[in-house]
């Protein structure tokens, strides 16, 4: 519903831009917080 409002009022490209920004804001902290599992042991 929010996507439809943005599409009508602002423009269709902003629906996708906002999706990408929200995705990055959620994904980057998640990826940074995952511990490294591929540790070389000598």
Protein backbone atom coordinates (compact mmCIF):
# COMPACT_ATOMS: atom_id res chain seq x y z
CA UNK A 1 0.00 0.00 0.00
CA UNK A 2 2.81 2.39 0.86
CA UNK A 3 4.53 1.45 -2.39
CA UNK A 4 1.39 2.36 -4.32
CA UNK A 5 1.19 5.75 -2.64
CA UNK A 6 4.83 6.48 -3.41
CA UNK A 7 4.29 5.32 -7.01
CA UNK A 8 1.34 7.70 -7.46
CA UNK A 9 2.65 10.75 -5.61
CA UNK A 10 6.41 10.77 -6.28
CA UNK A 11 7.18 8.38 -9.12
CA UNK A 12 7.70 4.71 -9.88
CA UNK A 13 11.50 4.77 -9.68
CA UNK A 14 11.42 5.88 -6.04
CA UNK A 15 9.61 2.71 -4.97
CA UNK A 16 12.63 0.67 -6.07
CA UNK A 17 15.20 3.15 -4.75
CA UNK A 18 13.57 3.14 -1.31
CA UNK A 19 13.49 -0.68 -1.35
CA UNK A 20 17.24 -0.83 -2.10
CA UNK A 21 18.06 1.69 0.66
CA UNK A 22 15.97 -0.18 3.26
CA UNK A 23 17.50 -3.49 2.15
CA UNK A 24 21.04 -2.14 2.57
CA UNK A 25 20.23 -0.63 5.97
CA UNK A 26 19.04 -4.04 7.16
CA UNK A 27 21.59 -6.25 5.38
CA UNK A 28 24.89 -4.48 6.14
CA UNK A 29 24.64 -4.67 9.97
CA UNK A 30 23.58 -8.31 9.66
CA UNK A 31 26.56 -9.18 7.48
CA UNK A 32 28.96 -7.31 9.75
CA UNK A 33 27.69 -9.11 12.84
CA UNK A 34 28.13 -12.63 11.42
CA UNK A 35 31.34 -14.16 12.75
CA UNK A 36 33.97 -15.39 10.31
CA UNK A 37 33.87 -19.19 10.09
CA UNK A 38 36.62 -19.81 7.55
CA UNK A 39 39.62 -19.48 9.83
CA UNK A 40 42.86 -21.16 8.73
CA UNK A 41 44.44 -23.39 11.33
CA UNK A 42 48.14 -24.02 11.01
